[in-house]
């Protein structure tokens, strides 16, 4: 991660100088934004196999949108002001439908291809 962060800082030096809030210090390199939830069970194959993905929801109060891990038989509600981390390349997951309100979610992760280029 340190090598990948150094590479990103080198390649994006001007952009990060202009917008320092976009430098997450190597904790993750990709931010995806989605409204609602991903209701199909899936694996995040582009994630680094050793990395942790973070789910950060925000928005008005909503119903539904829990993080589901069928392999673990777990359903975890994640609400405003909370975050959830998991190895989503290895753990099949989905979200329950959002039945009311508006839920926007940030997914923070590191793409395996970026990390491969940093070695």
PDB file of N, CA and C in Angstrom:
ATOM      1  N   UNK A   1       0.832  -1.186   0.000  1.00  0.00           N
ATOM      2  CA  UNK A   1       0.000   0.000   0.000  1.00  0.00           C
ATOM      3  C   UNK A   1       0.882   1.257   0.000  1.00  0.00           C
ATOM      4  N   UNK A   2       1.983   1.198   0.739  1.00  0.00           N
ATOM      5  CA  UNK A   2       2.877   2.360   0.776  1.00  0.00           C
ATOM      6  C   UNK A   2       3.474   2.637  -0.598  1.00  0.00           C
ATOM      7  N   UNK A   3       3.870   1.571  -1.306  1.00  0.00           N
ATOM      8  CA  UNK A   3       4.421   1.763  -2.649  1.00  0.00           C
ATOM      9  C   UNK A   3       3.346   2.297  -3.601  1.00  0.00           C
ATOM     10  N   UNK A   4       2.146   1.780  -3.480  1.00  0.00           N
ATOM     11  CA  UNK A   4       1.052   2.260  -4.332  1.00  0.00           C
ATOM     12  C   UNK A   4       0.753   3.727  -4.034  1.00  0.00           C
ATOM     13  N   UNK A   5       0.748   4.089  -2.766  1.00  0.00           N
ATOM     14  CA  UNK A   5       0.483   5.476  -2.394  1.00  0.00           C
ATOM     15  C   UNK A   5       1.577   6.387  -2.947  1.00  0.00           C
ATOM     16  N   UNK A   6       2.840   5.961  -2.836  1.00  0.00           N
ATOM     17  CA  UNK A   6       3.941   6.765  -3.376  1.00  0.00           C
ATOM     18  C   UNK A   6       3.782   6.939  -4.885  1.00  0.00           C
ATOM     19  N   UNK A   7       3.388   5.874  -5.580  1.00  0.00           N
ATOM     20  CA  UNK A   7       3.193   5.947  -7.034  1.00  0.00           C
ATOM     21  C   UNK A   7       2.061   6.915  -7.385  1.00  0.00           C
ATOM     22  N   UNK A   8       0.936   6.815  -6.682  1.00  0.00           N
ATOM     23  CA  UNK A   8      -0.202   7.705  -6.940  1.00  0.00           C
ATOM     24  C   UNK A   8       0.204   9.157  -6.676  1.00  0.00           C
ATOM     25  N   UNK A   9       0.920   9.387  -5.593  1.00  0.00           N
ATOM     26  CA  UNK A   9       1.357  10.759  -5.284  1.00  0.00           C
ATOM     27  C   UNK A   9       2.301  11.297  -6.365  1.00  0.00           C
ATOM     28  N   UNK A  10       3.122  10.434  -6.912  1.00  0.00           N
ATOM     29  CA  UNK A  10       4.048  10.850  -7.961  1.00  0.00           C
ATOM     30  C   UNK A  10       3.278  11.171  -9.254  1.00  0.00           C
ATOM     31  N   UNK A  11       2.376  10.289  -9.630  1.00  0.00           N
ATOM     32  CA  UNK A  11       1.643  10.455 -10.894  1.00  0.00           C
ATOM     33  C   UNK A  11       0.633  11.604 -10.815  1.00  0.00           C
ATOM     34  N   UNK A  12      -0.026  11.739  -9.667  1.00  0.00           N
ATOM     35  CA  UNK A  12      -1.079  12.753  -9.518  1.00  0.00           C
ATOM     36  C   UNK A  12      -0.632  13.936  -8.657  1.00  0.00           C
ATOM     37  N   UNK A  13       0.648  14.250  -8.676  1.00  0.00           N
ATOM     38  CA  UNK A  13       1.184  15.290  -7.789  1.00  0.00           C
ATOM     39  C   UNK A  13       0.417  16.609  -7.907  1.00  0.00           C
ATOM     40  N   UNK A  14       0.216  17.091  -9.120  1.00  0.00           N
ATOM     41  CA  UNK A  14      -0.468  18.378  -9.294  1.00  0.00           C
ATOM     42  C   UNK A  14      -1.908  18.316  -8.810  1.00  0.00           C
ATOM     43  N   UNK A  15      -2.630  17.246  -9.178  1.00  0.00           N
ATOM     44  CA  UNK A  15      -4.034  17.131  -8.776  1.00  0.00           C
ATOM     45  C   UNK A  15      -4.171  17.050  -7.244  1.00  0.00           C
ATOM     46  N   UNK A  16      -3.278  16.311  -6.616  1.00  0.00           N
ATOM     47  CA  UNK A  16      -3.349  16.190  -5.162  1.00  0.00           C
ATOM     48  C   UNK A  16      -2.903  17.478  -4.468  1.00  0.00           C
ATOM     49  N   UNK A  17      -2.022  18.207  -5.080  1.00  0.00           N
ATOM     50  CA  UNK A  17      -1.624  19.509  -4.535  1.00  0.00           C
ATOM     51  C   UNK A  17      -2.812  20.476  -4.603  1.00  0.00           C
ATOM     52  N   UNK A  18      -3.559  20.426  -5.727  1.00  0.00           N
ATOM     53  CA  UNK A  18      -4.722  21.301  -5.905  1.00  0.00           C
ATOM     54  C   UNK A  18      -5.908  20.881  -5.046  1.00  0.00           C
ATOM     55  N   UNK A  19      -6.006  19.576  -4.790  1.00  0.00           N
ATOM     56  CA  UNK A  19      -7.139  19.035  -4.016  1.00  0.00           C
ATOM     57  C   UNK A  19      -6.623  18.027  -2.984  1.00  0.00           C
ATOM     58  N   UNK A  20      -5.981  18.502  -1.930  1.00  0.00           N
ATOM     59  CA  UNK A  20      -5.357  17.595  -0.960  1.00  0.00           C
ATOM     60  C   UNK A  20      -6.354  16.675  -0.247  1.00  0.00           C
ATOM     61  N   UNK A  21      -7.614  17.029  -0.213  1.00  0.00           N
ATOM     62  CA  UNK A  21      -8.607  16.171   0.449  1.00  0.00           C
ATOM     63  C   UNK A  21      -8.797  14.853  -0.295  1.00  0.00           C
ATOM     64  N   UNK A  22      -8.307  14.757  -1.536  1.00  0.00           N
ATOM     65  CA  UNK A  22      -8.428  13.514  -2.303  1.00  0.00           C
ATOM     66  C   UNK A  22      -7.318  12.515  -1.990  1.00  0.00           C
ATOM     67  N   UNK A  23      -6.352  12.909  -1.182  1.00  0.00           N
ATOM     68  CA  UNK A  23      -5.274  11.999  -0.788  1.00  0.00           C
ATOM     69  C   UNK A  23      -5.686  11.309   0.509  1.00  0.00           C
ATOM     70  N   UNK A  24      -6.019  10.045   0.420  1.00  0.00           N
ATOM     71  CA  UNK A  24      -6.484   9.287   1.581  1.00  0.00           C
ATOM     72  C   UNK A  24      -5.342   8.554   2.280  1.00  0.00           C
ATOM     73  N   UNK A  25      -4.124   8.950   1.985  1.00  0.00           N
ATOM     74  CA  UNK A  25      -2.967   8.415   2.682  1.00  0.00           C
ATOM     75  C   UNK A  25      -2.673   6.955   2.397  1.00  0.00           C
ATOM     76  N   UNK A  26      -3.225   6.408   1.326  1.00  0.00           N
ATOM     77  CA  UNK A  26      -2.976   5.017   0.982  1.00  0.00           C
ATOM     78  C   UNK A  26      -3.933   4.029   1.621  1.00  0.00           C
ATOM     79  N   UNK A  27      -4.892   4.506   2.403  1.00  0.00           N
ATOM     80  CA  UNK A  27      -5.863   3.588   3.024  1.00  0.00           C
ATOM     81  C   UNK A  27      -6.723   2.905   1.965  1.00  0.00           C
ATOM     82  N   UNK A  28      -7.025   3.624   0.893  1.00  0.00           N
ATOM     83  CA  UNK A  28      -7.766   3.103  -0.255  1.00  0.00           C
ATOM     84  C   UNK A  28      -7.515   4.062  -1.401  1.00  0.00           C
ATOM     85  N   UNK A  29      -7.801   3.622  -2.631  1.00  0.00           N
ATOM     86  CA  UNK A  29      -7.504   4.435  -3.797  1.00  0.00           C
ATOM     87  C   UNK A  29      -8.709   4.689  -4.700  1.00  0.00           C
ATOM     88  N   UNK A  30      -9.840   4.061  -4.417  1.00  0.00           N
ATOM     89  CA  UNK A  30     -11.024   4.211  -5.255  1.00  0.00           C
ATOM     90  C   UNK A  30     -12.215   4.551  -4.374  1.00  0.00           C
ATOM     91  N   UNK A  31     -13.034   5.495  -4.856  1.00  0.00           N
ATOM     92  CA  UNK A  31     -14.289   5.840  -4.186  1.00  0.00           C
ATOM     93  C   UNK A  31     -15.406   5.661  -5.211  1.00  0.00           C
ATOM     94  N   UNK A  32     -16.347   4.777  -4.917  1.00  0.00           N
ATOM     95  CA  UNK A  32     -17.520   4.578  -5.771  1.00  0.00           C
ATOM     96  C   UNK A  32     -18.735   5.139  -5.041  1.00  0.00           C
ATOM     97  N   UNK A  33     -19.622   5.777  -5.768  1.00  0.00           N
ATOM     98  CA  UNK A  33     -20.826   6.384  -5.185  1.00  0.00           C
ATOM     99  C   UNK A  33     -22.041   5.730  -5.818  1.00  0.00           C
ATOM    100  N   UNK A  34     -22.997   5.350  -4.974  1.00  0.00           N
ATOM    101  CA  UNK A  34     -24.213   4.699  -5.474  1.00  0.00           C
ATOM    102  C   UNK A  34     -25.397   5.143  -4.631  1.00  0.00           C
ATOM    103  N   UNK A  35     -26.545   5.235  -5.250  1.00  0.00           N
ATOM    104  CA  UNK A  35     -27.773   5.490  -4.511  1.00  0.00           C
ATOM    105  C   UNK A  35     -28.554   4.191  -4.431  1.00  0.00           C
ATOM    106  N   UNK A  36     -29.103   3.879  -3.254  1.00  0.00           N
ATOM    107  CA  UNK A  36     -29.859   2.642  -3.068  1.00  0.00           C
ATOM    108  C   UNK A  36     -28.976   1.550  -2.512  1.00  0.00           C
ATOM    109  N   UNK A  37     -29.059   0.357  -3.103  1.00  0.00           N
ATOM    110  CA  UNK A  37     -28.223  -0.762  -2.661  1.00  0.00           C
ATOM    111  C   UNK A  37     -27.998  -1.723  -3.826  1.00  0.00           C
ATOM    112  N   UNK A  38     -26.979  -2.562  -3.689  1.00  0.00           N
ATOM    113  CA  UNK A  38     -26.697  -3.607  -4.685  1.00  0.00           C
ATOM    114  C   UNK A  38     -27.349  -4.884  -4.177  1.00  0.00           C
ATOM    115  N   UNK A  39     -28.466  -5.244  -4.759  1.00  0.00           N
ATOM    116  CA  UNK A  39     -29.283  -6.329  -4.210  1.00  0.00           C
ATOM    117  C   UNK A  39     -28.896  -7.709  -4.721  1.00  0.00           C
ATOM    118  N   UNK A  40     -28.029  -7.801  -5.703  1.00  0.00           N
ATOM    119  CA  UNK A  40     -27.582  -9.102  -6.202  1.00  0.00           C
ATOM    120  C   UNK A  40     -26.340  -9.546  -5.438  1.00  0.00           C
ATOM    121  N   UNK A  41     -26.307 -10.809  -5.067  1.00  0.00           N
ATOM    122  CA  UNK A  41     -25.141 -11.347  -4.370  1.00  0.00           C
ATOM    123  C   UNK A  41     -23.959 -11.329  -5.340  1.00  0.00           C
ATOM    124  N   UNK A  42     -22.828 -10.812  -4.863  1.00  0.00           N
ATOM    125  CA  UNK A  42     -21.659 -10.691  -5.732  1.00  0.00           C
ATOM    126  C   UNK A  42     -20.364 -10.669  -4.920  1.00  0.00           C
ATOM    127  N   UNK A  43     -19.251 -10.834  -5.629  1.00  0.00           N
ATOM    128  CA  UNK A  43     -17.905 -10.645  -5.095  1.00  0.00           C
ATOM    129  C   UNK A  43     -17.303  -9.470  -5.857  1.00  0.00           C
ATOM    130  N   UNK A  44     -16.461  -8.701  -5.195  1.00  0.00           N
ATOM    131  CA  UNK A  44     -15.814  -7.562  -5.837  1.00  0.00           C
ATOM    132  C   UNK A  44     -14.462  -8.014  -6.389  1.00  0.00           C
ATOM    133  N   UNK A  45     -14.473  -8.614  -7.587  1.00  0.00           N
ATOM    134  CA  UNK A  45     -13.288  -9.235  -8.163  1.00  0.00           C
ATOM    135  C   UNK A  45     -12.164  -8.256  -8.467  1.00  0.00           C
ATOM    136  N   UNK A  46     -12.463  -6.970  -8.632  1.00  0.00           N
ATOM    137  CA  UNK A  46     -11.403  -5.999  -8.925  1.00  0.00           C
ATOM    138  C   UNK A  46     -10.713  -5.485  -7.672  1.00  0.00           C
ATOM    139  N   UNK A  47     -11.225  -5.834  -6.502  1.00  0.00           N
ATOM    140  CA  UNK A  47     -10.586  -5.408  -5.260  1.00  0.00           C
ATOM    141  C   UNK A  47      -9.297  -6.182  -5.030  1.00  0.00           C
ATOM    142  N   UNK A  48      -8.372  -5.570  -4.303  1.00  0.00           N
ATOM    143  CA  UNK A  48      -7.174  -6.275  -3.881  1.00  0.00           C
ATOM    144  C   UNK A  48      -7.596  -7.405  -2.940  1.00  0.00           C
ATOM    145  N   UNK A  49      -7.024  -8.593  -3.130  1.00  0.00           N
ATOM    146  CA  UNK A  49      -7.457  -9.749  -2.340  1.00  0.00           C
ATOM    147  C   UNK A  49      -7.127  -9.620  -0.859  1.00  0.00           C
ATOM    148  N   UNK A  50      -6.183  -8.763  -0.507  1.00  0.00           N
ATOM    149  CA  UNK A  50      -5.815  -8.576   0.896  1.00  0.00           C
ATOM    150  C   UNK A  50      -6.402  -7.289   1.478  1.00  0.00           C
ATOM    151  N   UNK A  51      -7.128  -6.547   0.656  1.00  0.00           N
ATOM    152  CA  UNK A  51      -7.619  -5.238   1.078  1.00  0.00           C
ATOM    153  C   UNK A  51      -8.988  -5.301   1.739  1.00  0.00           C
ATOM    154  N   UNK A  52      -9.252  -4.268   2.490  1.00  0.00           N
ATOM    155  CA  UNK A  52     -10.554  -4.097   3.130  1.00  0.00           C
ATOM    156  C   UNK A  52     -11.310  -3.006   2.378  1.00  0.00           C
ATOM    157  N   UNK A  53     -12.544  -3.302   2.042  1.00  0.00           N
ATOM    158  CA  UNK A  53     -13.429  -2.302   1.444  1.00  0.00           C
ATOM    159  C   UNK A  53     -14.280  -1.709   2.557  1.00  0.00           C
ATOM    160  N   UNK A  54     -14.555  -0.419   2.418  1.00  0.00           N
ATOM    161  CA  UNK A  54     -15.360   0.270   3.428  1.00  0.00           C
ATOM    162  C   UNK A  54     -16.651   0.753   2.793  1.00  0.00           C
ATOM    163  N   UNK A  55     -17.754   0.559   3.497  1.00  0.00           N
ATOM    164  CA  UNK A  55     -19.071   1.019   3.087  1.00  0.00           C
ATOM    165  C   UNK A  55     -19.472   2.130   4.045  1.00  0.00           C
ATOM    166  N   UNK A  56     -19.754   3.324   3.477  1.00  0.00           N
ATOM    167  CA  UNK A  56     -20.114   4.484   4.285  1.00  0.00           C
ATOM    168  C   UNK A  56     -21.410   5.076   3.730  1.00  0.00           C
ATOM    169  N   UNK A  57     -22.549   4.797   4.372  1.00  0.00           N
ATOM    170  CA  UNK A  57     -23.811   5.345   3.874  1.00  0.00           C
ATOM    171  C   UNK A  57     -24.087   6.735   4.463  1.00  0.00           C
ATOM    172  N   UNK A  58     -24.815   7.537   3.702  1.00  0.00           N
ATOM    173  CA  UNK A  58     -25.291   8.812   4.228  1.00  0.00           C
ATOM    174  C   UNK A  58     -26.562   9.186   3.485  1.00  0.00           C
ATOM    175  N   UNK A  59     -27.272  10.146   4.016  1.00  0.00           N
ATOM    176  CA  UNK A  59     -28.519  10.588   3.412  1.00  0.00           C
ATOM    177  C   UNK A  59     -29.578  10.761   4.483  1.00  0.00           C
ATOM    178  N   UNK A  60     -30.803  10.929   4.030  1.00  0.00           N
ATOM    179  CA  UNK A  60     -31.926  11.033   4.950  1.00  0.00           C
ATOM    180  C   UNK A  60     -32.112   9.698   5.665  1.00  0.00           C
ATOM    181  N   UNK A  61     -32.961   9.680   6.638  1.00  0.00           N
ATOM    182  CA  UNK A  61     -33.290   8.400   7.270  1.00  0.00           C
ATOM    183  C   UNK A  61     -33.902   7.497   6.211  1.00  0.00           C
ATOM    184  N   UNK A  62     -33.556   6.242   6.254  1.00  0.00           N
ATOM    185  CA  UNK A  62     -34.076   5.285   5.292  1.00  0.00           C
ATOM    186  C   UNK A  62     -34.390   3.977   5.986  1.00  0.00           C
ATOM    187  N   UNK A  63     -35.144   3.168   5.315  1.00  0.00           N
ATOM    188  CA  UNK A  63     -35.448   1.808   5.772  1.00  0.00           C
ATOM    189  C   UNK A  63     -34.808   0.846   4.787  1.00  0.00           C
ATOM    190  N   UNK A  64     -34.222  -0.235   5.298  1.00  0.00           N
ATOM    191  CA  UNK A  64     -33.583  -1.234   4.449  1.00  0.00           C
ATOM    192  C   UNK A  64     -32.128  -0.899   4.211  1.00  0.00           C
ATOM    193  N   UNK A  65     -31.549  -1.522   3.186  1.00  0.00           N
ATOM    194  CA  UNK A  65     -30.165  -1.261   2.828  1.00  0.00           C
ATOM    195  C   UNK A  65     -29.148  -1.918   3.740  1.00  0.00           C
ATOM    196  N   UNK A  66     -29.529  -2.994   4.417  1.00  0.00           N
ATOM    197  CA  UNK A  66     -28.580  -3.696   5.292  1.00  0.00           C
ATOM    198  C   UNK A  66     -27.552  -4.436   4.450  1.00  0.00           C
ATOM    199  N   UNK A  67     -26.343  -4.594   4.992  1.00  0.00           N
ATOM    200  CA  UNK A  67     -25.277  -5.368   4.353  1.00  0.00           C
ATOM    201  C   UNK A  67     -25.538  -6.835   4.674  1.00  0.00           C
ATOM    202  N   UNK A  68     -25.617  -7.665   3.648  1.00  0.00           N
ATOM    203  CA  UNK A  68     -25.893  -9.094   3.844  1.00  0.00           C
ATOM    204  C   UNK A  68     -24.684  -9.919   3.400  1.00  0.00           C
ATOM    205  N   UNK A  69     -24.299 -10.869   4.240  1.00  0.00           N
ATOM    206  CA  UNK A  69     -23.221 -11.809   3.922  1.00  0.00           C
ATOM    207  C   UNK A  69     -23.801 -13.215   4.055  1.00  0.00           C
ATOM    208  N   UNK A  70     -24.367 -13.760   2.961  1.00  0.00           N
ATOM    209  CA  UNK A  70     -25.018 -15.071   3.027  1.00  0.00           C
ATOM    210  C   UNK A  70     -24.106 -16.190   3.528  1.00  0.00           C
ATOM    211  N   UNK A  71     -22.803 -16.148   3.183  1.00  0.00           N
ATOM    212  CA  UNK A  71     -21.876 -17.185   3.648  1.00  0.00           C
ATOM    213  C   UNK A  71     -21.820 -17.239   5.170  1.00  0.00           C
ATOM    214  N   UNK A  72     -21.961 -16.082   5.790  1.00  0.00           N
ATOM    215  CA  UNK A  72     -21.899 -15.986   7.255  1.00  0.00           C
ATOM    216  C   UNK A  72     -23.274 -15.994   7.906  1.00  0.00           C
ATOM    217  N   UNK A  73     -24.304 -16.009   7.063  1.00  0.00           N
ATOM    218  CA  UNK A  73     -25.687 -15.919   7.530  1.00  0.00           C
ATOM    219  C   UNK A  73     -25.881 -14.685   8.400  1.00  0.00           C
ATOM    220  N   UNK A  74     -25.338 -13.541   7.924  1.00  0.00           N
ATOM    221  CA  UNK A  74     -25.410 -12.275   8.662  1.00  0.00           C
ATOM    222  C   UNK A  74     -26.074 -11.207   7.818  1.00  0.00           C
ATOM    223  N   UNK A  75     -26.864 -10.373   8.489  1.00  0.00           N
ATOM    224  CA  UNK A  75     -27.467  -9.187   7.905  1.00  0.00           C
ATOM    225  C   UNK A  75     -27.146  -8.049   8.875  1.00  0.00           C
ATOM    226  N   UNK A  76     -26.378  -7.065   8.406  1.00  0.00           N
ATOM    227  CA  UNK A  76     -25.874  -6.010   9.289  1.00  0.00           C
ATOM    228  C   UNK A  76     -26.422  -4.658   8.833  1.00  0.00           C
ATOM    229  N   UNK A  77     -27.284  -4.043   9.632  1.00  0.00           N
ATOM    230  CA  UNK A  77     -27.739  -2.702   9.274  1.00  0.00           C
ATOM    231  C   UNK A  77     -26.595  -1.705   9.460  1.00  0.00           C
ATOM    232  N   UNK A  78     -26.429  -0.807   8.494  1.00  0.00           N
ATOM    233  CA  UNK A  78     -25.412   0.240   8.574  1.00  0.00           C
ATOM    234  C   UNK A  78     -26.124   1.557   8.326  1.00  0.00           C
ATOM    235  N   UNK A  79     -26.168   2.398   9.345  1.00  0.00           N
ATOM    236  CA  UNK A  79     -26.935   3.627   9.261  1.00  0.00           C
ATOM    237  C   UNK A  79     -26.086   4.869   9.148  1.00  0.00           C
ATOM    238  N   UNK A  80     -26.721   6.025   9.153  1.00  0.00           N
ATOM    239  CA  UNK A  80     -25.995   7.293   9.076  1.00  0.00           C
ATOM    240  C   UNK A  80     -24.979   7.382  10.224  1.00  0.00           C
ATOM    241  N   UNK A  81     -23.775   7.860   9.888  1.00  0.00           N
ATOM    242  CA  UNK A  81     -22.737   8.002  10.902  1.00  0.00           C
ATOM    243  C   UNK A  81     -21.973   6.723  11.190  1.00  0.00           C
ATOM    244  N   UNK A  82     -22.280   5.639  10.475  1.00  0.00           N
ATOM    245  CA  UNK A  82     -21.584   4.375  10.675  1.00  0.00           C
ATOM    246  C   UNK A  82     -20.796   4.002   9.419  1.00  0.00           C
ATOM    247  N   UNK A  83     -19.864   3.083   9.571  1.00  0.00           N
ATOM    248  CA  UNK A  83     -19.111   2.534   8.448  1.00  0.00           C
ATOM    249  C   UNK A  83     -18.920   1.051   8.714  1.00  0.00           C
ATOM    250  N   UNK A  84     -18.754   0.285   7.648  1.00  0.00           N
ATOM    251  CA  UNK A  84     -18.543  -1.154   7.767  1.00  0.00           C
ATOM    252  C   UNK A  84     -17.403  -1.547   6.838  1.00  0.00           C
ATOM    253  N   UNK A  85     -16.456  -2.315   7.347  1.00  0.00           N
ATOM    254  CA  UNK A  85     -15.337  -2.783   6.546  1.00  0.00           C
ATOM    255  C   UNK A  85     -15.401  -4.286   6.361  1.00  0.00           C
ATOM    256  N   UNK A  86     -14.977  -4.753   5.198  1.00  0.00           N
ATOM    257  CA  UNK A  86     -14.955  -6.192   4.948  1.00  0.00           C
ATOM    258  C   UNK A  86     -14.092  -6.516   3.739  1.00  0.00           C
ATOM    259  N   UNK A  87     -13.686  -7.748   3.669  1.00  0.00           N
ATOM    260  CA  UNK A  87     -12.886  -8.225   2.523  1.00  0.00           C
ATOM    261  C   UNK A  87     -13.857  -8.732   1.456  1.00  0.00           C
ATOM    262  N   UNK A  88     -14.398  -7.811   0.689  1.00  0.00           N
ATOM    263  CA  UNK A  88     -15.511  -8.097  -0.207  1.00  0.00           C
ATOM    264  C   UNK A  88     -15.109  -8.782  -1.504  1.00  0.00           C
ATOM    265  N   UNK A  89     -13.819  -8.977  -1.718  1.00  0.00           N
ATOM    266  CA  UNK A  89     -13.412  -9.821  -2.842  1.00  0.00           C
ATOM    267  C   UNK A  89     -13.572 -11.287  -2.461  1.00  0.00           C
ATOM    268  N   UNK A  90     -13.484 -11.592  -1.177  1.00  0.00           N
ATOM    269  CA  UNK A  90     -13.563 -12.962  -0.684  1.00  0.00           C
ATOM    270  C   UNK A  90     -14.912 -13.311  -0.082  1.00  0.00           C
ATOM    271  N   UNK A  91     -15.667 -12.303   0.301  1.00  0.00           N
ATOM    272  CA  UNK A  91     -16.940 -12.512   0.988  1.00  0.00           C
ATOM    273  C   UNK A  91     -18.103 -12.121   0.080  1.00  0.00           C
ATOM    274  N   UNK A  92     -18.898 -13.105  -0.333  1.00  0.00           N
ATOM    275  CA  UNK A  92     -20.083 -12.812  -1.145  1.00  0.00           C
ATOM    276  C   UNK A  92     -21.011 -11.921  -0.324  1.00  0.00           C
ATOM    277  N   UNK A  93     -21.595 -10.908  -0.983  1.00  0.00           N
ATOM    278  CA  UNK A  93     -22.407  -9.943  -0.249  1.00  0.00           C
ATOM    279  C   UNK A  93     -23.427  -9.279  -1.174  1.00  0.00           C
ATOM    280  N   UNK A  94     -24.372  -8.617  -0.546  1.00  0.00           N
ATOM    281  CA  UNK A  94     -25.380  -7.824  -1.249  1.00  0.00           C
ATOM    282  C   UNK A  94     -26.013  -6.888  -0.225  1.00  0.00           C
ATOM    283  N   UNK A  95     -26.917  -6.078  -0.693  1.00  0.00           N
ATOM    284  CA  UNK A  95     -27.671  -5.201   0.202  1.00  0.00           C
ATOM    285  C   UNK A  95     -29.146  -5.533   0.123  1.00  0.00           C
ATOM    286  N   UNK A  96     -29.845  -5.323   1.225  1.00  0.00           N
ATOM    287  CA  UNK A  96     -31.306  -5.489   1.176  1.00  0.00           C
ATOM    288  C   UNK A  96     -31.897  -4.258   0.483  1.00  0.00           C
ATOM    289  N   UNK A  97     -33.073  -4.380  -0.117  1.00  0.00           N
ATOM    290  CA  UNK A  97     -33.675  -3.230  -0.800  1.00  0.00           C
ATOM    291  C   UNK A  97     -33.907  -2.061   0.159  1.00  0.00           C
ATOM    292  N   UNK A  98     -33.736  -0.860  -0.343  1.00  0.00           N
ATOM    293  CA  UNK A  98     -34.099   0.345   0.400  1.00  0.00           C
ATOM    294  C   UNK A  98     -35.588   0.553   0.145  1.00  0.00           C
ATOM    295  N   UNK A  99     -36.388   0.472   1.196  1.00  0.00           N
ATOM    296  CA  UNK A  99     -37.843   0.515   1.030  1.00  0.00           C
ATOM    297  C   UNK A  99     -38.437   1.898   1.248  1.00  0.00           C
ATOM    298  N   UNK A 100     -37.687   2.797   1.892  1.00  0.00           N
ATOM    299  CA  UNK A 100     -38.145   4.184   2.028  1.00  0.00           C
ATOM    300  C   UNK A 100     -36.954   5.076   2.339  1.00  0.00           C
ATOM    301  N   UNK A 101     -37.089   6.353   2.015  1.00  0.00           N
ATOM    302  CA  UNK A 101     -36.019   7.302   2.245  1.00  0.00           C
ATOM    303  C   UNK A 101     -34.984   7.271   1.131  1.00  0.00           C
ATOM    304  N   UNK A 102     -33.960   8.059   1.318  1.00  0.00           N
ATOM    305  CA  UNK A 102     -32.881   8.142   0.315  1.00  0.00           C
ATOM    306  C   UNK A 102     -31.570   7.737   0.976  1.00  0.00           C
ATOM    307  N   UNK A 103     -30.892   6.764   0.385  1.00  0.00           N
ATOM    308  CA  UNK A 103     -29.625   6.252   0.909  1.00  0.00           C
ATOM    309  C   UNK A 103     -28.574   6.351  -0.192  1.00  0.00           C
ATOM    310  N   UNK A 104     -27.543   7.129   0.069  1.00  0.00           N
ATOM    311  CA  UNK A 104     -26.395   7.224  -0.827  1.00  0.00           C
ATOM    312  C   UNK A 104     -25.247   6.541  -0.099  1.00  0.00           C
ATOM    313  N   UNK A 105     -24.469   5.769  -0.825  1.00  0.00           N
ATOM    314  CA  UNK A 105     -23.410   4.997  -0.194  1.00  0.00           C
ATOM    315  C   UNK A 105     -22.082   5.234  -0.907  1.00  0.00           C
ATOM    316  N   UNK A 106     -21.043   5.431  -0.110  1.00  0.00           N
ATOM    317  CA  UNK A 106     -19.683   5.477  -0.636  1.00  0.00           C
ATOM    318  C   UNK A 106     -19.054   4.122  -0.373  1.00  0.00           C
ATOM    319  N   UNK A 107     -18.424   3.549  -1.376  1.00  0.00           N
ATOM    320  CA  UNK A 107     -17.650   2.329  -1.203  1.00  0.00           C
ATOM    321  C   UNK A 107     -16.201   2.700  -1.462  1.00  0.00           C
ATOM    322  N   UNK A 108     -15.346   2.444  -0.492  1.00  0.00           N
ATOM    323  CA  UNK A 108     -13.937   2.833  -0.543  1.00  0.00           C
ATOM    324  C   UNK A 108     -13.104   1.566  -0.611  1.00  0.00           C
ATOM    325  N   UNK A 109     -12.257   1.435  -1.641  1.00  0.00           N
ATOM    326  CA  UNK A 109     -11.483   0.209  -1.804  1.00  0.00           C
ATOM    327  C   UNK A 109     -10.230   0.477  -2.620  1.00  0.00           C
ATOM    328  N   UNK A 110      -9.382  -0.534  -2.762  1.00  0.00           N
ATOM    329  CA  UNK A 110      -8.185  -0.450  -3.602  1.00  0.00           C
ATOM    330  C   UNK A 110      -8.286  -1.470  -4.717  1.00  0.00           C
ATOM    331  N   UNK A 111      -8.126  -0.993  -5.931  1.00  0.00           N
ATOM    332  CA  UNK A 111      -8.180  -1.834  -7.111  1.00  0.00           C
ATOM    333  C   UNK A 111      -6.909  -2.684  -7.201  1.00  0.00           C
ATOM    334  N   UNK A 112      -7.060  -3.970  -7.476  1.00  0.00           N
ATOM    335  CA  UNK A 112      -5.904  -4.877  -7.534  1.00  0.00           C
ATOM    336  C   UNK A 112      -4.903  -4.466  -8.604  1.00  0.00           C
ATOM    337  N   UNK A 113      -5.367  -3.902  -9.724  1.00  0.00           N
ATOM    338  CA  UNK A 113      -4.465  -3.528 -10.814  1.00  0.00           C
ATOM    339  C   UNK A 113      -3.531  -2.392 -10.397  1.00  0.00           C
ATOM    340  N   UNK A 114      -4.033  -1.439  -9.641  1.00  0.00           N
ATOM    341  CA  UNK A 114      -3.183  -0.356  -9.160  1.00  0.00           C
ATOM    342  C   UNK A 114      -2.078  -0.904  -8.267  1.00  0.00           C
ATOM    343  N   UNK A 115      -2.434  -1.799  -7.381  1.00  0.00           N
ATOM    344  CA  UNK A 115      -1.446  -2.355  -6.463  1.00  0.00           C
ATOM    345  C   UNK A 115      -0.414  -3.208  -7.190  1.00  0.00           C
ATOM    346  N   UNK A 116      -0.824  -3.912  -8.255  1.00  0.00           N
ATOM    347  CA  UNK A 116       0.118  -4.714  -9.030  1.00  0.00           C
ATOM    348  C   UNK A 116       1.160  -3.822  -9.713  1.00  0.00           C
ATOM    349  N   UNK A 117       0.749  -2.637 -10.173  1.00  0.00           N
ATOM    350  CA  UNK A 117       1.676  -1.721 -10.832  1.00  0.00           C
ATOM    351  C   UNK A 117       2.646  -1.080  -9.856  1.00  0.00           C
ATOM    352  N   UNK A 118       2.329  -1.107  -8.593  1.00  0.00           N
ATOM    353  CA  UNK A 118       3.159  -0.453  -7.588  1.00  0.00           C
ATOM    354  C   UNK A 118       4.283  -1.346  -7.070  1.00  0.00           C
ATOM    355  N   UNK A 119       4.268  -2.634  -7.419  1.00  0.00           N
ATOM    356  CA  UNK A 119       5.290  -3.534  -6.877  1.00  0.00           C
ATOM    357  C   UNK A 119       6.587  -3.456  -7.657  1.00  0.00           C
TER     358      UNK A 119
END
